[in-house]
């Protein structure tokens, strides 16, 4: 089922999400709904607070762009990324690589807003999957960026918080205009 994606400044987007303590049929249904919602919106990731649920659950799928990464390891083993999409992650822990790069980013909770965001080029993410297994993924490129973006959501951090000071000043007016448009859309 496609769920409504909440838009900024909805308070749930600022929530520090609760950890998943049990994998229930309702949680599995939420993950399936989130994947359907993300695909319907042409996104590469979606976090539970974006569908108004304050739990540490996110989904990512970058399989449409197999060249968006140079490597992916699961539990230390090199894997073919497309075969391991989509990723459903719960209770993630994120370790960031030192090298950073700025690239354009958007967010389904901020329709029509894009900005250059500086993020780590490589990440290591340890999380629980829907089978209840703890998995460690090492990767780079768009997948690394998506992990960072979605995990930020689970901690109440939005991509606009990651903008540099100059970009934030320029974005304030644009964001105010967009928020008026979003209100008219509803």
C-alpha atoms as a PDB file:
ATOM      1  CA  UNK A   1       0.000   0.000   0.000  1.00  0.00           C
ATOM      2  CA  UNK A   2       1.316   3.446  -0.901  1.00  0.00           C
ATOM      3  CA  UNK A   3       1.430   5.656   2.180  1.00  0.00           C
ATOM      4  CA  UNK A   4       1.411   9.435   2.343  1.00  0.00           C
ATOM      5  CA  UNK A   5       4.877  10.952   2.616  1.00  0.00           C
ATOM      6  CA  UNK A   6       4.921  13.679   5.248  1.00  0.00           C
ATOM      7  CA  UNK A   7       6.494  16.974   4.321  1.00  0.00           C
ATOM      8  CA  UNK A   8       8.654  19.406   6.200  1.00  0.00           C
ATOM      9  CA  UNK A   9       8.037  20.872   8.834  1.00  0.00           C
ATOM     10  CA  UNK A  10       5.987  17.902  10.143  1.00  0.00           C
ATOM     11  CA  UNK A  11       7.272  17.262  13.729  1.00  0.00           C
ATOM     12  CA  UNK A  12       7.807  13.503  13.209  1.00  0.00           C
ATOM     13  CA  UNK A  13      10.639  14.384  10.806  1.00  0.00           C
ATOM     14  CA  UNK A  14      12.567  15.774  13.786  1.00  0.00           C
ATOM     15  CA  UNK A  15      11.930  12.745  16.014  1.00  0.00           C
ATOM     16  CA  UNK A  16      14.748  10.561  17.330  1.00  0.00           C
ATOM     17  CA  UNK A  17      13.167   7.255  16.327  1.00  0.00           C
ATOM     18  CA  UNK A  18      12.533   4.325  18.642  1.00  0.00           C
ATOM     19  CA  UNK A  19      14.605   1.162  18.081  1.00  0.00           C
ATOM     20  CA  UNK A  20      12.929  -1.906  16.632  1.00  0.00           C
ATOM     21  CA  UNK A  21      12.633  -4.480  19.419  1.00  0.00           C
ATOM     22  CA  UNK A  22      10.615  -7.132  17.599  1.00  0.00           C
ATOM     23  CA  UNK A  23       9.980  -8.010  13.967  1.00  0.00           C
ATOM     24  CA  UNK A  24       6.204  -8.243  13.785  1.00  0.00           C
ATOM     25  CA  UNK A  25       3.821  -8.763  10.864  1.00  0.00           C
ATOM     26  CA  UNK A  26       2.950  -5.048  11.205  1.00  0.00           C
ATOM     27  CA  UNK A  27       6.626  -4.103  10.862  1.00  0.00           C
ATOM     28  CA  UNK A  28       6.993  -6.306   7.778  1.00  0.00           C
ATOM     29  CA  UNK A  29       3.880  -4.671   6.301  1.00  0.00           C
ATOM     30  CA  UNK A  30       5.326  -1.230   7.059  1.00  0.00           C
ATOM     31  CA  UNK A  31       8.583  -2.152   5.263  1.00  0.00           C
ATOM     32  CA  UNK A  32       6.644  -3.437   2.231  1.00  0.00           C
ATOM     33  CA  UNK A  33       4.484  -0.291   2.180  1.00  0.00           C
ATOM     34  CA  UNK A  34       7.584   1.889   2.429  1.00  0.00           C
ATOM     35  CA  UNK A  35       9.203   0.148  -0.545  1.00  0.00           C
ATOM     36  CA  UNK A  36       6.038   0.613  -2.593  1.00  0.00           C
ATOM     37  CA  UNK A  37       5.759   4.251  -1.495  1.00  0.00           C
ATOM     38  CA  UNK A  38       9.424   4.953  -2.292  1.00  0.00           C
ATOM     39  CA  UNK A  39       9.116   3.434  -5.766  1.00  0.00           C
ATOM     40  CA  UNK A  40       5.856   5.271  -6.482  1.00  0.00           C
ATOM     41  CA  UNK A  41       7.631   8.541  -5.595  1.00  0.00           C
ATOM     42  CA  UNK A  42      10.722   7.650  -7.693  1.00  0.00           C
ATOM     43  CA  UNK A  43      12.973   7.774  -4.625  1.00  0.00           C
ATOM     44  CA  UNK A  44      16.087   5.789  -3.746  1.00  0.00           C
ATOM     45  CA  UNK A  45      15.390   5.697  -0.014  1.00  0.00           C
ATOM     46  CA  UNK A  46      12.664   6.251   2.538  1.00  0.00           C
ATOM     47  CA  UNK A  47      12.758   6.329   6.337  1.00  0.00           C
ATOM     48  CA  UNK A  48       9.834   5.439   8.605  1.00  0.00           C
ATOM     49  CA  UNK A  49       9.395   8.988   9.957  1.00  0.00           C
ATOM     50  CA  UNK A  50       8.708  10.088   6.378  1.00  0.00           C
ATOM     51  CA  UNK A  51       5.515   8.016   6.549  1.00  0.00           C
ATOM     52  CA  UNK A  52       4.774   9.309  10.079  1.00  0.00           C
ATOM     53  CA  UNK A  53       6.132   6.301  12.006  1.00  0.00           C
ATOM     54  CA  UNK A  54       8.868   7.074  14.558  1.00  0.00           C
ATOM     55  CA  UNK A  55      10.730   3.753  14.410  1.00  0.00           C
ATOM     56  CA  UNK A  56      14.292   2.980  13.270  1.00  0.00           C
ATOM     57  CA  UNK A  57      13.403   1.451   9.912  1.00  0.00           C
ATOM     58  CA  UNK A  58      14.484   2.587   6.451  1.00  0.00           C
ATOM     59  CA  UNK A  59      14.483   1.176   2.928  1.00  0.00           C
ATOM     60  CA  UNK A  60      16.946   1.827   0.102  1.00  0.00           C
ATOM     61  CA  UNK A  61      17.065   0.697  -3.520  1.00  0.00           C
ATOM     62  CA  UNK A  62      19.678   1.994  -5.954  1.00  0.00           C
ATOM     63  CA  UNK A  63      19.471  -1.005  -8.316  1.00  0.00           C
ATOM     64  CA  UNK A  64      18.188   1.236 -11.136  1.00  0.00           C
ATOM     65  CA  UNK A  65      21.750   2.615 -11.355  1.00  0.00           C
ATOM     66  CA  UNK A  66      24.215  -0.302 -11.091  1.00  0.00           C
ATOM     67  CA  UNK A  67      27.184   2.004 -11.795  1.00  0.00           C
ATOM     68  CA  UNK A  68      26.419   4.283  -8.830  1.00  0.00           C
ATOM     69  CA  UNK A  69      28.958   2.466  -6.607  1.00  0.00           C
ATOM     70  CA  UNK A  70      32.413   0.970  -7.105  1.00  0.00           C
ATOM     71  CA  UNK A  71      32.073  -1.688  -4.409  1.00  0.00           C
ATOM     72  CA  UNK A  72      29.728  -3.317  -1.927  1.00  0.00           C
ATOM     73  CA  UNK A  73      30.719  -5.777   0.772  1.00  0.00           C
ATOM     74  CA  UNK A  74      28.335  -7.643   3.017  1.00  0.00           C
ATOM     75  CA  UNK A  75      29.963  -9.064   6.138  1.00  0.00           C
ATOM     76  CA  UNK A  76      33.357  -8.598   4.490  1.00  0.00           C
ATOM     77  CA  UNK A  77      32.488 -10.389   1.228  1.00  0.00           C
ATOM     78  CA  UNK A  78      32.439  -8.496  -2.090  1.00  0.00           C
ATOM     79  CA  UNK A  79      28.940  -8.771  -3.606  1.00  0.00           C
ATOM     80  CA  UNK A  80      27.061  -7.611  -6.682  1.00  0.00           C
ATOM     81  CA  UNK A  81      24.958  -4.693  -5.480  1.00  0.00           C
ATOM     82  CA  UNK A  82      21.923  -5.264  -7.706  1.00  0.00           C
ATOM     83  CA  UNK A  83      21.402  -8.749  -6.231  1.00  0.00           C
ATOM     84  CA  UNK A  84      21.163  -7.271  -2.737  1.00  0.00           C
ATOM     85  CA  UNK A  85      18.576  -4.578  -3.389  1.00  0.00           C
ATOM     86  CA  UNK A  86      16.365  -3.407  -1.871  1.00  0.00           C
ATOM     87  CA  UNK A  87      17.972  -2.999   1.546  1.00  0.00           C
ATOM     88  CA  UNK A  88      15.657  -2.931   4.564  1.00  0.00           C
ATOM     89  CA  UNK A  89      17.557  -1.717   7.604  1.00  0.00           C
ATOM     90  CA  UNK A  90      16.619  -1.412  11.253  1.00  0.00           C
ATOM     91  CA  UNK A  91      18.537   0.003  14.227  1.00  0.00           C
ATOM     92  CA  UNK A  92      21.543   1.015  12.095  1.00  0.00           C
ATOM     93  CA  UNK A  93      24.986   2.015  13.342  1.00  0.00           C
ATOM     94  CA  UNK A  94      26.988   4.114  10.899  1.00  0.00           C
ATOM     95  CA  UNK A  95      30.763   4.492  10.593  1.00  0.00           C
ATOM     96  CA  UNK A  96      31.876   7.215   8.196  1.00  0.00           C
ATOM     97  CA  UNK A  97      34.965   7.216   5.999  1.00  0.00           C
ATOM     98  CA  UNK A  98      37.268  10.243   6.269  1.00  0.00           C
ATOM     99  CA  UNK A  99      37.102  11.430   2.638  1.00  0.00           C
ATOM    100  CA  UNK A 100      34.088  13.604   1.828  1.00  0.00           C
ATOM    101  CA  UNK A 101      32.489  14.878  -1.346  1.00  0.00           C
ATOM    102  CA  UNK A 102      29.648  17.301  -2.082  1.00  0.00           C
ATOM    103  CA  UNK A 103      26.906  16.130  -4.419  1.00  0.00           C
ATOM    104  CA  UNK A 104      23.344  17.111  -5.209  1.00  0.00           C
ATOM    105  CA  UNK A 105      20.758  15.584  -2.930  1.00  0.00           C
ATOM    106  CA  UNK A 106      17.000  15.727  -2.618  1.00  0.00           C
ATOM    107  CA  UNK A 107      14.430  14.338  -0.208  1.00  0.00           C
ATOM    108  CA  UNK A 108      10.908  13.009  -0.685  1.00  0.00           C
ATOM    109  CA  UNK A 109       9.794  15.129   2.306  1.00  0.00           C
ATOM    110  CA  UNK A 110      11.038  18.253   0.474  1.00  0.00           C
ATOM    111  CA  UNK A 111       9.510  17.993  -3.023  1.00  0.00           C
ATOM    112  CA  UNK A 112      11.312  20.036  -5.700  1.00  0.00           C
ATOM    113  CA  UNK A 113      14.139  21.035  -3.346  1.00  0.00           C
ATOM    114  CA  UNK A 114      17.710  19.979  -4.128  1.00  0.00           C
ATOM    115  CA  UNK A 115      21.023  21.057  -2.648  1.00  0.00           C
ATOM    116  CA  UNK A 116      24.693  20.137  -2.627  1.00  0.00           C
ATOM    117  CA  UNK A 117      25.383  18.177   0.550  1.00  0.00           C
ATOM    118  CA  UNK A 118      28.841  17.164   1.735  1.00  0.00           C
ATOM    119  CA  UNK A 119      28.968  13.534   2.890  1.00  0.00           C
ATOM    120  CA  UNK A 120      31.478  10.748   3.423  1.00  0.00           C
ATOM    121  CA  UNK A 121      32.473   8.903   0.230  1.00  0.00           C
ATOM    122  CA  UNK A 122      32.527   5.507   1.976  1.00  0.00           C
ATOM    123  CA  UNK A 123      30.543   4.080   4.875  1.00  0.00           C
ATOM    124  CA  UNK A 124      30.231   0.968   6.976  1.00  0.00           C
ATOM    125  CA  UNK A 125      26.703   0.320   8.228  1.00  0.00           C
ATOM    126  CA  UNK A 126      25.711  -2.390  10.696  1.00  0.00           C
ATOM    127  CA  UNK A 127      21.997  -3.066  10.985  1.00  0.00           C
ATOM    128  CA  UNK A 128      19.331  -5.680  11.569  1.00  0.00           C
ATOM    129  CA  UNK A 129      17.508  -6.976   8.496  1.00  0.00           C
ATOM    130  CA  UNK A 130      13.944  -8.309   8.287  1.00  0.00           C
ATOM    131  CA  UNK A 131      15.205 -11.814   9.121  1.00  0.00           C
ATOM    132  CA  UNK A 132      16.493 -10.477  12.446  1.00  0.00           C
ATOM    133  CA  UNK A 133      20.114 -10.969  11.346  1.00  0.00           C
ATOM    134  CA  UNK A 134      22.798  -8.391  12.015  1.00  0.00           C
ATOM    135  CA  UNK A 135      24.449  -7.410   8.735  1.00  0.00           C
ATOM    136  CA  UNK A 136      27.433  -5.163   8.006  1.00  0.00           C
ATOM    137  CA  UNK A 137      27.581  -3.382   4.645  1.00  0.00           C
ATOM    138  CA  UNK A 138      30.587  -1.440   3.353  1.00  0.00           C
ATOM    139  CA  UNK A 139      30.034   0.685   0.262  1.00  0.00           C
ATOM    140  CA  UNK A 140      30.578   3.979  -1.529  1.00  0.00           C
ATOM    141  CA  UNK A 141      28.877   6.234  -4.069  1.00  0.00           C
ATOM    142  CA  UNK A 142      25.130   6.773  -4.161  1.00  0.00           C
ATOM    143  CA  UNK A 143      24.478   3.845  -1.836  1.00  0.00           C
ATOM    144  CA  UNK A 144      26.771   5.345   0.828  1.00  0.00           C
ATOM    145  CA  UNK A 145      25.016   8.703   0.413  1.00  0.00           C
ATOM    146  CA  UNK A 146      21.579   7.038   0.682  1.00  0.00           C
ATOM    147  CA  UNK A 147      22.590   5.212   3.888  1.00  0.00           C
ATOM    148  CA  UNK A 148      23.760   8.493   5.433  1.00  0.00           C
ATOM    149  CA  UNK A 149      20.621  10.385   4.348  1.00  0.00           C
ATOM    150  CA  UNK A 150      18.165   7.740   5.627  1.00  0.00           C
ATOM    151  CA  UNK A 151      20.033   7.157   8.907  1.00  0.00           C
ATOM    152  CA  UNK A 152      19.989  10.923   9.457  1.00  0.00           C
ATOM    153  CA  UNK A 153      16.187  10.755   9.170  1.00  0.00           C
ATOM    154  CA  UNK A 154      16.085   8.118  11.926  1.00  0.00           C
ATOM    155  CA  UNK A 155      17.926  10.576  14.171  1.00  0.00           C
ATOM    156  CA  UNK A 156      15.729  13.583  13.353  1.00  0.00           C
ATOM    157  CA  UNK A 157      18.372  15.162  11.096  1.00  0.00           C
ATOM    158  CA  UNK A 158      17.263  16.535   7.729  1.00  0.00           C
ATOM    159  CA  UNK A 159      19.375  17.134   4.651  1.00  0.00           C
ATOM    160  CA  UNK A 160      18.809  20.884   4.968  1.00  0.00           C
ATOM    161  CA  UNK A 161      20.655  20.668   8.305  1.00  0.00           C
ATOM    162  CA  UNK A 162      23.717  19.473   6.383  1.00  0.00           C
ATOM    163  CA  UNK A 163      23.846  22.494   4.045  1.00  0.00           C
ATOM    164  CA  UNK A 164      26.700  24.937   4.456  1.00  0.00           C
ATOM    165  CA  UNK A 165      25.876  28.321   5.993  1.00  0.00           C
ATOM    166  CA  UNK A 166      25.846  30.216   2.674  1.00  0.00           C
ATOM    167  CA  UNK A 167      23.505  27.670   1.075  1.00  0.00           C
ATOM    168  CA  UNK A 168      21.155  27.811   4.091  1.00  0.00           C
ATOM    169  CA  UNK A 169      20.763  31.586   3.730  1.00  0.00           C
ATOM    170  CA  UNK A 170      19.934  31.248   0.021  1.00  0.00           C
ATOM    171  CA  UNK A 171      17.581  28.330   0.660  1.00  0.00           C
ATOM    172  CA  UNK A 172      15.392  30.012   3.311  1.00  0.00           C
ATOM    173  CA  UNK A 173      13.318  32.007   0.811  1.00  0.00           C
ATOM    174  CA  UNK A 174      13.038  29.115  -1.614  1.00  0.00           C
ATOM    175  CA  UNK A 175      11.959  26.767   1.184  1.00  0.00           C
ATOM    176  CA  UNK A 176       9.303  29.240   2.375  1.00  0.00           C
ATOM    177  CA  UNK A 177       7.899  29.464  -1.202  1.00  0.00           C
ATOM    178  CA  UNK A 178       7.896  25.689  -1.569  1.00  0.00           C
ATOM    179  CA  UNK A 179       6.141  25.230   1.776  1.00  0.00           C
ATOM    180  CA  UNK A 180       3.347  27.548   0.560  1.00  0.00           C
ATOM    181  CA  UNK A 181       3.061  25.434  -2.639  1.00  0.00           C
ATOM    182  CA  UNK A 182       2.962  22.191  -0.621  1.00  0.00           C
ATOM    183  CA  UNK A 183       0.159  23.596   1.530  1.00  0.00           C
ATOM    184  CA  UNK A 184      -1.799  24.427  -1.648  1.00  0.00           C
ATOM    185  CA  UNK A 185      -1.213  20.881  -2.968  1.00  0.00           C
ATOM    186  CA  UNK A 186      -2.939  19.321   0.052  1.00  0.00           C
END
